Amino acid sequence: MIHPDSRAKAHHILLESEEAALALIPQIQSLEDFERLAREYSTCPSAKIGGDIGLVKPEVIVAELAEQIFSDLPLNQVLGPFKTVHGYHLVWIKRRHLAG
């Protein structure tokens, strides 16, 4: 279980298909690439700001995505795709604080 006081600073790209998500991964070498592709391809309202979802708490994002963001996955690289009820997510985690 993820401690409710945990926090993470992250960006994401939401896409309708796994294939679309997989096609973007080779184009992402930096956060700047990630932000540019988020603006162009993400279906989330956060696309306007490069996919930046801010400093998030586990309970404010869908559980499937929280499980990934608040795991021990590496920081500062493209991760995913992760499937949720909203579609397929690519994630870039800038920093993470795991409480508890």
N, C-alpha and C. Protein backbone atom coordinates (compact mmCIF):
# COMPACT_ATOMS: atom_id res chain seq x y z
N MET A 1 0.84 -1.19 0.00
CA MET A 1 0.00 0.00 0.00
C MET A 1 0.88 1.25 0.00
N ILE A 2 0.47 2.22 -0.75
CA ILE A 2 1.23 3.46 -0.86
C ILE A 2 0.84 4.39 0.28
N HIS A 3 1.83 4.89 0.99
CA HIS A 3 1.56 5.81 2.10
C HIS A 3 0.93 7.09 1.54
N PRO A 4 -0.15 7.59 2.16
CA PRO A 4 -0.85 8.78 1.63
C PRO A 4 -0.02 10.06 1.65
N ASP A 5 1.06 10.10 2.41
CA ASP A 5 1.91 11.29 2.43
C ASP A 5 3.00 11.26 1.37
N SER A 6 3.02 10.21 0.55
CA SER A 6 3.99 10.14 -0.54
C SER A 6 3.65 11.19 -1.59
N ARG A 7 4.67 11.66 -2.30
CA ARG A 7 4.49 12.67 -3.35
C ARG A 7 5.42 12.35 -4.51
N ALA A 8 5.01 12.76 -5.72
CA ALA A 8 5.87 12.62 -6.88
C ALA A 8 5.61 13.76 -7.85
N LYS A 9 6.66 14.23 -8.47
CA LYS A 9 6.57 15.25 -9.53
C LYS A 9 6.70 14.50 -10.84
N ALA A 10 5.67 14.58 -11.67
CA ALA A 10 5.65 13.75 -12.87
C ALA A 10 4.98 14.45 -14.05
N HIS A 11 5.27 13.91 -15.23
CA HIS A 11 4.61 14.28 -16.47
C HIS A 11 4.03 12.99 -17.06
N HIS A 12 2.98 13.12 -17.86
CA HIS A 12 2.48 11.93 -18.54
C HIS A 12 1.90 12.29 -19.90
N ILE A 13 1.86 11.27 -20.74
CA ILE A 13 1.23 11.36 -22.05
C ILE A 13 0.15 10.29 -22.05
N LEU A 14 -1.09 10.69 -22.31
CA LEU A 14 -2.21 9.76 -22.37
C LEU A 14 -2.57 9.51 -23.83
N LEU A 15 -2.63 8.24 -24.19
CA LEU A 15 -2.93 7.85 -25.57
C LEU A 15 -4.02 6.79 -25.58
N GLU A 16 -4.69 6.66 -26.72
CA GLU A 16 -5.81 5.72 -26.81
C GLU A 16 -5.36 4.28 -27.01
N SER A 17 -4.17 4.07 -27.57
CA SER A 17 -3.74 2.70 -27.84
C SER A 17 -2.32 2.45 -27.36
N GLU A 18 -2.06 1.20 -27.07
CA GLU A 18 -0.71 0.80 -26.67
C GLU A 18 0.26 1.00 -27.83
N GLU A 19 -0.21 0.75 -29.05
CA GLU A 19 0.64 0.92 -30.22
C GLU A 19 1.10 2.36 -30.37
N ALA A 20 0.19 3.31 -30.15
CA ALA A 20 0.55 4.73 -30.24
C ALA A 20 1.59 5.08 -29.18
N ALA A 21 1.42 4.55 -27.99
CA ALA A 21 2.38 4.81 -26.91
C ALA A 21 3.74 4.23 -27.25
N LEU A 22 3.76 3.00 -27.71
CA LEU A 22 5.03 2.35 -28.05
C LEU A 22 5.76 3.08 -29.18
N ALA A 23 5.00 3.66 -30.10
CA ALA A 23 5.61 4.38 -31.23
C ALA A 23 6.32 5.65 -30.78
N LEU A 24 5.89 6.25 -29.67
CA LEU A 24 6.52 7.48 -29.20
C LEU A 24 7.81 7.24 -28.42
N ILE A 25 7.93 6.11 -27.78
CA ILE A 25 9.06 5.86 -26.88
C ILE A 25 10.42 6.12 -27.54
N PRO A 26 10.68 5.62 -28.76
CA PRO A 26 12.01 5.86 -29.35
C PRO A 26 12.32 7.34 -29.61
N GLN A 27 11.29 8.18 -29.63
CA GLN A 27 11.48 9.60 -29.89
C GLN A 27 11.81 10.40 -28.63
N ILE A 28 11.78 9.74 -27.48
CA ILE A 28 11.95 10.45 -26.21
C ILE A 28 13.32 10.16 -25.62
N GLN A 29 14.19 11.16 -25.66
CA GLN A 29 15.52 11.05 -25.08
C GLN A 29 15.70 11.99 -23.89
N SER A 30 14.77 12.93 -23.73
CA SER A 30 14.90 13.93 -22.66
C SER A 30 13.51 14.38 -22.23
N LEU A 31 13.46 15.11 -21.12
CA LEU A 31 12.19 15.67 -20.66
C LEU A 31 11.63 16.65 -21.70
N GLU A 32 12.50 17.38 -22.37
CA GLU A 32 12.05 18.32 -23.40
C GLU A 32 11.34 17.57 -24.54
N ASP A 33 11.89 16.44 -24.96
CA ASP A 33 11.23 15.60 -25.98
C ASP A 33 9.87 15.15 -25.46
N PHE A 34 9.84 14.70 -24.22
CA PHE A 34 8.60 14.20 -23.61
C PHE A 34 7.54 15.30 -23.62
N GLU A 35 7.91 16.50 -23.19
CA GLU A 35 6.95 17.62 -23.14
C GLU A 35 6.44 17.98 -24.53
N ARG A 36 7.33 18.00 -25.52
CA ARG A 36 6.93 18.32 -26.89
C ARG A 36 5.93 17.29 -27.42
N LEU A 37 6.21 16.02 -27.21
CA LEU A 37 5.32 14.96 -27.68
C LEU A 37 4.01 14.95 -26.90
N ALA A 38 4.05 15.29 -25.63
CA ALA A 38 2.82 15.40 -24.85
C ALA A 38 1.91 16.47 -25.45
N ARG A 39 2.49 17.62 -25.78
CA ARG A 39 1.70 18.70 -26.38
C ARG A 39 1.07 18.26 -27.70
N GLU A 40 1.79 17.46 -28.44
CA GLU A 40 1.33 17.05 -29.77
C GLU A 40 0.36 15.87 -29.74
N TYR A 41 0.58 14.91 -28.86
CA TYR A 41 -0.17 13.65 -28.95
C TYR A 41 -1.08 13.32 -27.77
N SER A 42 -0.84 13.85 -26.59
CA SER A 42 -1.61 13.44 -25.42
C SER A 42 -3.06 13.89 -25.53
N THR A 43 -3.96 13.03 -25.08
CA THR A 43 -5.39 13.36 -25.06
C THR A 43 -5.83 13.93 -23.72
N CYS A 44 -4.90 14.07 -22.78
CA CYS A 44 -5.20 14.63 -21.46
C CYS A 44 -5.13 16.16 -21.52
N PRO A 45 -5.96 16.85 -20.75
CA PRO A 45 -5.86 18.32 -20.70
C PRO A 45 -4.46 18.82 -20.31
N SER A 46 -3.69 18.00 -19.60
CA SER A 46 -2.33 18.40 -19.22
C SER A 46 -1.41 18.52 -20.44
N ALA A 47 -1.85 18.09 -21.59
CA ALA A 47 -1.04 18.20 -22.81
C ALA A 47 -0.61 19.63 -23.06
N LYS A 48 -1.49 20.58 -22.74
CA LYS A 48 -1.20 22.00 -22.98
C LYS A 48 0.04 22.47 -22.24
N ILE A 49 0.36 21.79 -21.14
CA ILE A 49 1.53 22.18 -20.35
C ILE A 49 2.58 21.07 -20.35
N GLY A 50 2.69 20.41 -21.48
CA GLY A 50 3.72 19.40 -21.65
C GLY A 50 3.50 18.13 -20.86
N GLY A 51 2.25 17.86 -20.50
CA GLY A 51 1.94 16.65 -19.74
C GLY A 51 2.25 16.76 -18.26
N ASP A 52 2.58 17.96 -17.79
CA ASP A 52 2.95 18.16 -16.39
C ASP A 52 1.72 17.96 -15.50
N ILE A 53 1.77 16.94 -14.64
CA ILE A 53 0.66 16.72 -13.71
C ILE A 53 1.01 17.21 -12.31
N GLY A 54 2.13 17.90 -12.20
CA GLY A 54 2.50 18.55 -10.96
C GLY A 54 3.02 17.60 -9.90
N LEU A 55 2.95 18.07 -8.67
CA LEU A 55 3.35 17.29 -7.51
C LEU A 55 2.10 16.55 -7.04
N VAL A 56 2.06 15.25 -7.28
CA VAL A 56 0.83 14.50 -7.04
C VAL A 56 0.93 13.62 -5.80
N LYS A 57 -0.24 13.40 -5.21
CA LYS A 57 -0.41 12.46 -4.11
C LYS A 57 -1.03 11.20 -4.70
N PRO A 58 -0.81 10.05 -4.10
CA PRO A 58 -1.32 8.80 -4.66
C PRO A 58 -2.84 8.79 -4.86
N GLU A 59 -3.57 9.42 -3.96
CA GLU A 59 -5.03 9.33 -4.04
C GLU A 59 -5.66 10.22 -5.11
N VAL A 60 -4.89 11.09 -5.74
CA VAL A 60 -5.49 11.98 -6.74
C VAL A 60 -5.31 11.48 -8.17
N ILE A 61 -4.64 10.35 -8.34
CA ILE A 61 -4.50 9.76 -9.67
C ILE A 61 -5.03 8.34 -9.63
N VAL A 62 -5.37 7.80 -10.79
CA VAL A 62 -5.93 6.45 -10.83
C VAL A 62 -4.95 5.46 -10.22
N ALA A 63 -5.50 4.46 -9.55
CA ALA A 63 -4.69 3.51 -8.78
C ALA A 63 -3.62 2.82 -9.62
N GLU A 64 -3.97 2.44 -10.86
CA GLU A 64 -3.00 1.73 -11.71
C GLU A 64 -1.78 2.60 -12.00
N LEU A 65 -2.01 3.89 -12.16
CA LEU A 65 -0.90 4.81 -12.42
C LEU A 65 -0.13 5.11 -11.13
N ALA A 66 -0.84 5.27 -10.04
CA ALA A 66 -0.18 5.51 -8.75
C ALA A 66 0.76 4.36 -8.39
N GLU A 67 0.33 3.13 -8.66
CA GLU A 67 1.17 1.97 -8.36
C GLU A 67 2.51 2.05 -9.09
N GLN A 68 2.51 2.59 -10.30
CA GLN A 68 3.74 2.71 -11.07
C GLN A 68 4.58 3.91 -10.61
N ILE A 69 3.93 5.05 -10.48
CA ILE A 69 4.65 6.28 -10.11
C ILE A 69 5.29 6.16 -8.74
N PHE A 70 4.61 5.49 -7.81
CA PHE A 70 5.11 5.37 -6.45
C PHE A 70 5.80 4.03 -6.20
N SER A 71 6.33 3.44 -7.24
CA SER A 71 7.11 2.20 -7.11
C SER A 71 8.59 2.57 -7.13
N ASP A 72 9.43 1.58 -7.33
CA ASP A 72 10.87 1.85 -7.39
C ASP A 72 11.38 1.99 -8.82
N LEU A 73 10.49 2.32 -9.75
CA LEU A 73 10.92 2.54 -11.13
C LEU A 73 11.89 3.71 -11.18
N PRO A 74 12.80 3.72 -12.15
CA PRO A 74 13.81 4.78 -12.22
C PRO A 74 13.21 6.15 -12.52
N LEU A 75 13.92 7.17 -12.10
CA LEU A 75 13.53 8.56 -12.34
C LEU A 75 14.15 9.05 -13.65
N ASN A 76 13.56 10.13 -14.19
CA ASN A 76 14.12 10.88 -15.31
C ASN A 76 14.37 10.05 -16.56
N GLN A 77 13.38 9.25 -16.90
CA GLN A 77 13.37 8.53 -18.17
C GLN A 77 11.93 8.16 -18.49
N VAL A 78 11.67 7.86 -19.76
CA VAL A 78 10.31 7.50 -20.15
C VAL A 78 10.01 6.10 -19.62
N LEU A 79 8.80 5.94 -19.07
CA LEU A 79 8.34 4.67 -18.52
C LEU A 79 6.97 4.34 -19.10
N GLY A 80 6.68 3.08 -19.23
CA GLY A 80 5.38 2.66 -19.72
C GLY A 80 5.51 1.97 -21.06
N PRO A 81 4.36 1.76 -21.69
CA PRO A 81 3.05 2.27 -21.35
C PRO A 81 2.37 1.48 -20.22
N PHE A 82 1.55 2.22 -19.47
CA PHE A 82 0.76 1.66 -18.39
C PHE A 82 -0.71 1.84 -18.74
N LYS A 83 -1.48 0.74 -18.65
CA LYS A 83 -2.90 0.79 -19.00
C LYS A 83 -3.74 1.17 -17.79
N THR A 84 -4.66 2.11 -18.00
CA THR A 84 -5.66 2.47 -16.99
C THR A 84 -7.01 2.54 -17.68
N VAL A 85 -8.04 2.88 -16.94
CA VAL A 85 -9.37 3.03 -17.52
C VAL A 85 -9.42 4.18 -18.54
N HIS A 86 -8.45 5.08 -18.48
CA HIS A 86 -8.43 6.24 -19.38
C HIS A 86 -7.70 5.97 -20.68
N GLY A 87 -6.86 4.95 -20.71
CA GLY A 87 -6.07 4.64 -21.90
C GLY A 87 -4.69 4.16 -21.51
N TYR A 88 -3.72 4.52 -22.33
CA TYR A 88 -2.33 4.10 -22.11
C TYR A 88 -1.48 5.31 -21.78
N HIS A 89 -0.70 5.20 -20.73
CA HIS A 89 0.10 6.32 -20.23
C HIS A 89 1.59 6.06 -20.40
N LEU A 90 2.29 7.08 -20.88
CA LEU A 90 3.74 7.13 -20.76
C LEU A 90 4.01 8.11 -19.64
N VAL A 91 5.00 7.84 -18.83
CA VAL A 91 5.26 8.65 -17.64
C VAL A 91 6.73 9.03 -17.57
N TRP A 92 6.98 10.24 -17.09
CA TRP A 92 8.33 10.71 -16.77
C TRP A 92 8.27 11.20 -15.33
N ILE A 93 8.96 10.53 -14.43
CA ILE A 93 8.95 10.90 -13.01
C ILE A 93 10.21 11.71 -12.73
N LYS A 94 10.03 12.98 -12.35
CA LYS A 94 11.18 13.84 -12.07
C LYS A 94 11.74 13.59 -10.68
N ARG A 95 10.86 13.44 -9.71
CA ARG A 95 11.31 13.14 -8.35
C ARG A 95 10.17 12.46 -7.59
N ARG A 96 10.55 11.79 -6.51
CA ARG A 96 9.57 11.02 -5.75
C ARG A 96 9.98 11.01 -4.29
N HIS A 97 9.00 11.18 -3.42
CA HIS A 97 9.23 11.04 -1.98
C HIS A 97 8.25 9.99 -1.48
N LEU A 98 8.78 8.88 -1.02
CA LEU A 98 7.94 7.82 -0.47
C LEU A 98 7.92 7.95 1.04
N ALA A 99 6.76 8.28 1.57
CA ALA A 99 6.61 8.45 3.02
C ALA A 99 6.39 7.10 3.68
N GLY A 100 6.55 7.10 4.99
CA GLY A 100 6.25 5.91 5.76
C GLY A 100 7.42 5.02 5.87
